[in-house]
Structure formats: structure tokens, C-alpha cells
Protein backbone atom coordinates (compact mmCIF):
# COMPACT_ATOMS: atom_id res chain seq x y z
CA MET A 1 -5.76 0.99 3.48
CA ARG A 2 -3.65 -1.80 2.31
CA LYS A 3 -3.33 -4.53 4.23
CA SER A 4 0.30 -3.77 4.89
CA VAL A 5 3.09 -1.79 3.56
CA LYS A 6 4.35 -2.41 -0.01
CA SER A 7 6.51 -1.42 -2.58
CA MET A 8 4.33 0.74 -4.73
CA LEU A 9 6.50 1.49 -7.60
CA SER A 10 8.88 -0.55 -9.52
CA PRO A 11 11.06 1.65 -12.52
CA LEU A 12 7.95 0.90 -14.10
CA GLY A 13 5.33 1.92 -11.64
CA LYS A 14 3.04 -0.41 -11.14
CA ALA A 15 2.23 -1.29 -14.74
CA VAL A 16 4.21 -0.18 -16.55
CA ALA A 17 2.31 -3.16 -15.07
CA LEU A 18 1.67 -4.61 -18.47
CA ALA A 19 5.54 -6.39 -17.54
CA CYS A 20 4.30 -7.28 -13.91
CA SER A 21 1.25 -8.75 -15.55
CA LEU A 22 3.68 -10.60 -17.76
CA ALA A 23 5.96 -11.92 -14.76
CA MET A 24 2.66 -13.06 -13.42
CA CYS A 25 1.84 -14.51 -16.65
CA VAL A 26 5.39 -16.58 -16.63
CA SER A 27 5.22 -17.60 -13.26
CA LEU A 28 1.73 -19.42 -13.94
CA ALA A 29 2.56 -20.96 -16.96
CA ALA A 30 -0.63 -19.39 -18.40
CA CYS A 31 1.38 -17.40 -21.06
CA SER A 32 0.33 -17.93 -24.97
CA SER A 33 2.98 -18.78 -26.89
CA SER A 34 1.38 -17.97 -30.99
CA ASN A 35 3.58 -15.92 -33.01
CA SER A 36 3.07 -11.87 -32.98
CA ASP A 37 2.63 -12.01 -36.51
CA SER A 38 -0.45 -10.61 -38.39
CA LYS A 39 -1.38 -9.29 -41.32
CA SER A 40 -1.07 -5.90 -42.08
CA SER A 41 -3.36 -2.95 -43.03
CA SER A 42 -3.53 -1.21 -46.06
CA SER A 43 -3.06 1.84 -44.73
CA ASP A 44 0.00 0.81 -42.52
CA SER A 45 2.58 3.00 -40.71
CA SER A 46 5.97 1.63 -40.36
CA SER A 47 8.60 2.28 -38.74
CA SER A 48 12.35 0.93 -37.47
CA SER A 49 15.04 0.98 -35.15
CA ASP A 50 17.75 3.19 -36.09
CA SER A 51 21.00 0.64 -37.61
CA SER A 52 23.26 3.51 -36.21
CA ASP A 53 22.40 1.46 -33.15
CA LYS A 54 22.66 4.59 -31.03
CA LYS A 55 23.02 4.39 -27.23
CA GLY A 56 20.30 2.92 -25.70
CA GLN A 57 18.68 2.09 -28.77
CA ILE A 58 17.48 -1.38 -29.79
CA ALA A 59 18.54 -2.09 -33.66
CA GLY A 60 16.84 -4.46 -35.92
CA VAL A 61 13.28 -4.12 -34.68
CA THR A 62 10.52 -3.13 -37.06
CA ALA A 63 6.43 -2.55 -36.89
CA LYS A 64 3.50 -2.32 -39.19
CA GLY A 65 0.38 -1.92 -38.59
CA LYS A 66 -2.46 1.18 -38.48
CA LEU A 67 -1.56 3.66 -35.88
CA GLY A 68 -3.69 2.54 -32.40
CA GLU A 69 -3.91 -0.88 -33.24
CA LYS A 70 -2.07 -4.10 -32.41
CA PRO A 71 1.22 -3.80 -34.30
CA THR A 72 3.28 -6.29 -36.15
CA ILE A 73 6.53 -6.75 -34.51
CA SER A 74 9.23 -8.22 -36.91
CA PHE A 75 13.45 -8.84 -35.66
CA ASN A 76 15.54 -11.50 -36.02
CA THR A 77 15.85 -14.22 -33.30
CA PRO A 78 17.59 -14.61 -31.25
CA MET A 79 18.87 -11.40 -30.08
CA THR A 80 19.98 -9.61 -26.71
CA VAL A 81 18.48 -6.25 -25.12
CA SER A 82 19.58 -4.65 -22.17
CA ASP A 83 17.21 -3.08 -19.00
CA GLY A 84 16.76 0.77 -20.35
CA SER A 85 16.73 -0.34 -23.88
CA TYR A 86 14.05 0.98 -26.15
CA VAL A 87 12.97 1.94 -29.68
CA VAL A 88 10.48 4.06 -30.89
CA LEU A 89 8.67 1.83 -33.75
CA GLN A 90 5.43 3.87 -34.37
CA LYS A 91 5.05 8.11 -33.72
CA GLY A 92 1.42 8.90 -33.13
CA ASP A 93 -0.78 11.13 -34.55
CA GLY A 94 -3.01 11.90 -31.19
CA ASP A 95 -2.18 14.27 -28.50
CA VAL A 96 1.04 15.00 -26.70
CA ILE A 97 1.23 12.82 -23.43
CA GLU A 98 2.00 15.88 -20.66
CA GLU A 99 3.58 15.26 -16.68
CA GLY A 100 0.83 13.98 -14.74
CA ASP A 101 -1.27 12.08 -17.60
CA ARG A 102 -2.90 9.33 -16.68
CA VAL A 103 -1.74 7.26 -19.62
CA CYS A 104 -4.08 3.84 -20.88
CA ALA A 105 -1.52 1.36 -23.07
CA GLN A 106 -1.96 -1.78 -24.74
CA GLY A 107 0.87 -3.97 -24.76
CA ILE A 108 2.49 -7.15 -26.38
CA ALA A 109 5.68 -8.77 -24.61
CA LEU A 110 7.81 -10.66 -27.13
CA ASN A 111 10.49 -13.18 -25.93
CA VAL A 112 13.65 -12.28 -27.92
CA LYS A 113 15.09 -15.73 -28.28
CA ASP A 114 12.72 -16.78 -30.70
CA GLY A 115 9.90 -13.96 -30.85
CA THR A 116 6.88 -15.82 -29.44
CA GLU A 117 4.24 -13.82 -27.76
CA LEU A 118 4.50 -13.75 -24.06
CA MET A 119 1.86 -12.01 -23.12
CA ASP A 120 -0.59 -9.49 -25.12
CA THR A 121 -3.50 -6.82 -23.80
CA TRP A 122 -5.12 -6.22 -27.48
CA THR A 123 -6.74 -9.40 -28.11
CA LYS A 124 -9.02 -9.11 -24.90
CA ASN A 125 -9.11 -5.04 -25.25
CA THR A 126 -7.80 -4.90 -21.69
CA PRO A 127 -5.57 -1.68 -21.63
CA ASP A 128 -3.47 -1.28 -18.44
CA CYS A 129 -4.49 2.78 -17.47
CA SER A 130 -2.15 2.53 -14.64
CA LEU A 131 0.86 4.46 -15.80
CA LYS A 132 0.86 8.29 -14.69
CA VAL A 133 3.97 10.36 -16.14
CA ASP A 134 5.49 11.21 -13.11
CA SER A 135 8.91 12.36 -12.93
CA LYS A 136 9.19 11.03 -9.28
CA THR A 137 8.29 7.34 -10.13
CA LEU A 138 9.05 6.48 -13.56
CA SER A 139 12.67 5.78 -14.53
CA SER A 140 14.19 8.06 -16.62
CA THR A 141 14.34 5.56 -19.17
CA TYR A 142 10.76 5.45 -19.46
CA TYR A 143 10.00 9.02 -18.36
CA ASN A 144 11.86 10.46 -21.61
CA GLN A 145 10.37 8.31 -23.99
CA ILE A 146 6.22 8.97 -22.79
CA LYS A 147 6.84 12.30 -21.96
CA GLY A 148 6.07 13.92 -25.07
CA ALA A 149 5.27 11.10 -27.32
CA LYS A 150 1.80 11.36 -29.03
CA ILE A 151 -1.21 8.89 -28.66
CA ASN A 152 -0.84 6.53 -30.65
CA THR A 153 3.18 6.09 -30.48
CA THR A 154 4.22 2.53 -29.84
CA ILE A 155 7.57 2.45 -28.31
CA GLY A 156 9.64 -1.32 -27.60
CA PHE A 157 11.37 -1.45 -24.29
CA GLY A 158 13.94 -4.13 -23.68
CA VAL A 159 13.73 -5.77 -20.57
CA ASN A 160 16.38 -8.43 -19.57
CA ALA A 161 15.62 -11.60 -17.49
CA GLN A 162 17.52 -11.10 -14.10
CA ASP A 163 15.37 -14.01 -12.47
CA SER A 164 14.63 -17.99 -12.90
CA SER A 165 12.10 -17.20 -15.63
CA GLY A 166 14.52 -16.97 -18.08
CA TYR A 167 12.65 -15.00 -20.59
CA SER A 168 14.32 -11.62 -21.71
CA TYR A 169 11.58 -9.69 -24.12
CA ILE A 170 10.44 -6.90 -26.10
CA LEU A 171 8.00 -4.71 -24.45
CA ALA A 172 6.18 -3.00 -27.34
CA MET A 173 3.63 -0.64 -25.82
CA THR A 174 1.16 1.43 -27.91
CA PHE A 175 -0.29 4.66 -25.87
CA VAL A 176 -4.38 4.62 -26.60
CA SER A 177 -5.05 7.20 -24.29
CA LYS A 178 -5.09 9.67 -21.86
CA SER A 179 -6.36 11.92 -19.24
CA LYS A 180 -6.15 13.45 -15.79
CA ASP A 181 -6.66 12.48 -12.50
CA LEU A 182 -8.74 15.03 -10.08
CA LYS A 183 -6.71 17.06 -7.29
CA LYS A 184 -9.28 16.44 -4.80
CA ALA A 185 -13.16 15.20 -4.91
CA THR A 186 -15.51 17.22 -7.17
CA GLY A 187 -19.26 17.04 -7.06
CA GLU A 188 -22.32 18.13 -5.01
CA GLU A 189 -22.42 18.44 -1.33
CA VAL A 190 -24.50 15.65 0.02
CA LYS A 191 -26.90 17.16 2.33
CA ASN A 192 -28.72 15.22 5.16
CA VAL A 193 -25.79 13.21 6.42
CA PRO A 194 -26.67 11.79 9.49
CA ALA A 195 -26.28 14.07 12.54
CA ASN A 196 -24.77 11.37 14.41
CA LEU A 197 -21.72 10.75 12.17
CA PRO A 198 -18.33 12.37 12.32
CA LYS A 199 -18.01 16.04 10.84
CA VAL A 200 -15.87 16.31 8.16
CA THR A 201 -14.50 19.93 7.12
CA ARG A 202 -11.79 20.49 4.37
CA ALA A 203 -9.10 23.24 3.77
CA LYS A 204 -8.87 25.21 0.63
CA ASN A 205 -6.74 21.95 -1.32
CA GLY A 206 -9.52 19.41 -0.13
CA LYS A 207 -7.36 17.78 2.96
CA PRO A 208 -9.96 17.09 5.69
CA SER A 209 -10.16 17.72 8.82
CA ILE A 210 -12.43 15.78 11.58
CA ASP A 211 -14.05 16.16 14.67
CA MET A 212 -15.42 12.43 15.38
CA ASN A 213 -18.90 13.85 17.21
CA GLY A 214 -18.59 10.89 19.81
CA GLN A 215 -18.02 8.35 17.74
CA GLY A 216 -17.28 5.28 19.21
CA SER A 217 -16.86 1.37 18.09
CA VAL A 218 -19.45 0.05 15.62
CA ASP A 219 -20.11 -3.54 14.70
CA SER A 220 -21.04 -2.75 11.09
CA LEU A 221 -19.74 -1.00 8.35
CA ILE A 222 -21.05 2.80 7.63
CA SER A 223 -20.04 3.99 3.89
CA GLN A 224 -21.63 7.78 3.99
CA THR A 225 -21.10 9.42 0.51
CA LEU A 226 -20.47 13.58 1.41
CA ILE A 227 -19.53 14.56 -1.83
CA LYS A 228 -21.09 12.74 -5.22
CA GLY A 229 -19.10 12.63 -8.12
CA ASN A 230 -20.16 12.56 -11.43
CA GLY A 231 -17.39 10.27 -12.57
CA ALA A 232 -17.53 6.09 -13.61
CA LYS A 233 -19.50 3.62 -10.78
CA LEU A 234 -16.61 1.33 -8.98
CA THR A 235 -16.89 -2.22 -9.48
CA ASP A 236 -14.84 -4.99 -7.54
CA LYS A 237 -13.31 -5.42 -11.09
CA ASN A 238 -11.59 -1.82 -10.56
CA THR A 239 -8.26 0.00 -9.34
CA VAL A 240 -8.97 2.87 -7.48
CA VAL A 241 -6.69 5.94 -7.31
CA VAL A 242 -7.39 7.61 -3.98
CA LYS A 243 -6.24 10.30 -1.35
CA TYR A 244 -7.32 9.15 1.97
CA THR A 245 -6.46 10.34 5.99
CA GLY A 246 -7.57 7.31 8.58
CA TRP A 247 -8.28 8.28 12.29
CA LEU A 248 -9.07 6.42 15.73
CA THR A 249 -12.29 6.74 16.99
CA ASN A 250 -10.47 8.75 19.86
CA GLY A 251 -9.43 11.57 16.93
CA LYS A 252 -6.10 10.09 16.89
CA GLN A 253 -4.97 10.49 13.09
CA PHE A 254 -2.83 7.64 11.52
CA ASP A 255 -1.88 7.88 8.02
CA SER A 256 -2.68 10.67 5.37
CA SER A 257 -1.79 10.17 1.95
CA TRP A 258 -2.42 14.37 1.73
CA ASP A 259 0.81 14.47 4.62
CA ARG A 260 2.72 12.92 1.66
CA ASP A 261 1.00 14.85 -1.22
CA SER A 262 0.26 11.53 -3.12
CA THR A 263 -2.20 8.99 -4.06
CA ILE A 264 -2.63 5.50 -3.67
CA ASP A 265 -3.70 2.34 -6.39
CA ALA A 266 -5.75 0.36 -4.72
CA ASP A 267 -7.08 -2.99 -6.07
CA LEU A 268 -11.40 -3.48 -5.21
CA PHE A 269 -10.47 -7.05 -6.54
CA SER A 270 -9.31 -10.35 -4.84
CA ASP A 271 -6.16 -11.82 -6.06
CA SER A 272 -5.82 -15.38 -7.58
CA SER A 273 -5.78 -16.73 -3.76
CA GLY A 274 -9.46 -14.59 -3.15
CA GLN A 275 -7.41 -12.04 -1.00
CA HIS A 276 -8.24 -8.58 -1.32
CA GLN A 277 -5.19 -5.84 -1.20
CA VAL A 278 -6.96 -3.66 0.84
CA ILE A 279 -8.68 -4.08 4.41
CA GLU A 280 -12.40 -5.36 3.86
CA GLY A 281 -14.36 -1.99 5.08
CA TRP A 282 -12.56 -0.25 2.15
CA GLN A 283 -13.29 -2.93 -0.30
CA LYS A 284 -16.95 -2.89 0.90
CA GLY A 285 -17.18 0.59 1.26
CA LEU A 286 -16.06 1.92 -1.93
CA VAL A 287 -17.52 -0.36 -4.59
CA GLY A 288 -20.74 1.25 -6.06
CA GLN A 289 -19.13 4.72 -5.39
CA THR A 290 -18.03 6.91 -7.96
CA VAL A 291 -15.26 8.58 -9.26
CA GLY A 292 -15.07 12.68 -7.83
CA SER A 293 -17.08 11.33 -4.44
CA GLN A 294 -15.54 11.67 -0.96
CA VAL A 295 -16.64 9.10 1.10
CA LEU A 296 -16.67 8.48 4.43
CA LEU A 297 -15.85 4.78 5.90
CA VAL A 298 -16.01 4.11 9.68
CA ILE A 299 -15.13 0.73 9.76
CA PRO A 300 -15.52 -2.28 12.71
CA PRO A 301 -12.44 -4.28 13.84
CA ASP A 302 -13.66 -7.37 11.85
CA GLN A 303 -13.14 -5.41 8.22
CA ALA A 304 -9.95 -3.99 9.43
CA TYR A 305 -7.10 -5.48 11.54
CA GLY A 306 -9.40 -7.16 13.80
CA ASP A 307 -7.36 -8.89 16.53
CA LYS A 308 -4.12 -7.82 15.44
CA GLU A 309 -2.01 -4.75 16.16
CA GLN A 310 -1.32 -2.90 12.87
CA GLY A 311 1.89 -0.08 13.57
CA SER A 312 0.16 2.53 15.46
CA ILE A 313 -3.29 1.03 15.38
CA PRO A 314 -4.10 -1.19 18.41
CA ALA A 315 -5.82 -4.36 18.26
CA ASN A 316 -9.50 -4.18 17.79
CA SER A 317 -9.80 -0.89 16.62
CA THR A 318 -12.74 0.73 14.23
CA LEU A 319 -10.87 2.99 12.01
CA VAL A 320 -12.55 6.06 10.53
CA PHE A 321 -11.72 7.34 7.16
CA VAL A 322 -12.01 10.15 4.69
CA ILE A 323 -11.33 9.06 1.07
CA ASP A 324 -11.17 10.76 -2.15
CA ILE A 325 -12.02 9.33 -5.49
CA LEU A 326 -9.49 10.74 -8.16
CA ALA A 327 -9.60 7.95 -10.37
CA ALA A 328 -10.62 4.54 -11.53
CA TYR A 329 -9.47 2.00 -14.25
């Protein structure tokens, strides 16, 4: 559970957080100023924007390079771009991206003033997999261009600076892979769950219900796997996609993503100040679990909200969660 309520979705989603990571990079003055030019492959696939300057498109931008590898982006500088503008730079040769897909993208951000490279995920091979193709959460510009594209497609999106950074840029995103998130925990039911723990039952759609079974306050964290998934093991470097329900020990539900028919993306790593995005009980209780698992957490106050009231959660509350781990990146 997040420490505080945040807006989770920008016009691009959490990433098209390649842009978000760029903003962070610029604010920390940590961006590379290297030029984006690189040698082309002999098996180049090349494309450019239509000079007819169709509405919403960026004219005069080209890309060269082998599909699925870092492209060389060229354009005359300085140039201007508007938010919501785009150009299809390379048409991919892979599977078609569909509604509901989770897409991993590599990206380059180029300053339109002088062509310098502001951000690059290719060099360290750190694709961003937080992009979910969802008509409810992506702006129409990004949704319409990404849905229906093929893997290995590269699209340049224009971002016009609206803050003190002063950087307007083209974000060239290459879609390198796709997958589907689970709908609910899927795996092997765990036997021999301790009899004194809360009892969890599930509806056909996976939504959990709970009998507290006399559960009271605790002084230490309880993390009990209920369904063991066969997916990747979570580390403290992951962002995890989950559905969850939370209760007080008196059985009162205070939150449930199931009731909203939604998921959340929760970082299990700390930020630059050493703080975690989620409460400590989530971070400690989920690291080491596997994708596909359902986990029961009983969290002591000092790993939740401590002596501070949080909405309908009283101060010094022990919290009980059932969490389905649907994906991780």
C-alpha cells in the first residue's frame, strides 16, 4: 500500500515513464550531453516523417538502424515540437500490440534545440516495462499510435517543455517486447498454512474475503504465501503490479483495488532519499515472493502507519492484506 495517495497516471502513464525518468534526470543535472549519432548497420531499416506535415505529425525527422536496436535519429536543429505530436520512424516486424498488453520500451530523448541526447535506456539495456496499453489510462495520442503497432516499431513523440527545465524534446520509443499481466493469482495452493492465521476465501474472479479468526495486533511482520506462483522472484529492484484488499484486525475493510477493478504499480525499491514508496510491511513482505502468488500480510503498526492516523485507519493499527502479484518489471 502506498504511503500516501498519488496520481498514478500522467498522460503517458507511469512511464511512458521514459519521459518521467528524463524529467528526473534533468532535475538532477545527470543527463548525458552526448550526440545520438551512431554507425548504421548494413541491414538498416530507414524511415522518416511525411513532409506533407499531416496534422499532429512531426516533419523532418528520420531514423536509421536495424529493427529492434538503438536507432540513429536525425533532424535539423533547432526545431519545435508540440505536445501530442508524433512520427512513426520505423515500422516493426514483430507481434501486433493489443489492448491490455504490457509493453517494454527502449527510449532516447533528444533536445530539439541542438540534438543532444538527454536520456538513453539502450546503453545500459534498461527497457521500461511500465507501459500498459489501456484506453482508460493512456492519452489518445499515445494509445492510438501504440495499439496496433508491431514489436520493434520506433515512434517519436514530441514533448514541449512547460516547466523551468526549458527542455523540449523528441522521445523516440522502440517497443521491444510485450506480455500480458495475470488477472488473478495463479499457481499452486499452499498447504499447511498455520491454523491461527486469518482464513482467506476467494470468489470465482479471485477477489478475496477474510475471516480474521481471532487475529489481533502483532509486533512482527507475518508474510504467508497462500498461492505459490511460478513466475519471476521479486527483488528490491522491482516494481510490482498487484491487486489487493486491506482490513483492520476487527474485520473492517479500508481499501480494495478489486472494488475499483484496478491494479497498482508499487515500487519495492527506495528513492534517492532512501524512502520507500510503499509501507515497510509491503516492501519486506513481498520481496522474495514470485509473480502469480497470493500473499497474506499481517503488518505491525511500526511497519505501516505507526502512531499516525491515515484516512479511515486509526493510529497504531495492525493491518491485514491479501495481495495478488500479477506482474513485475
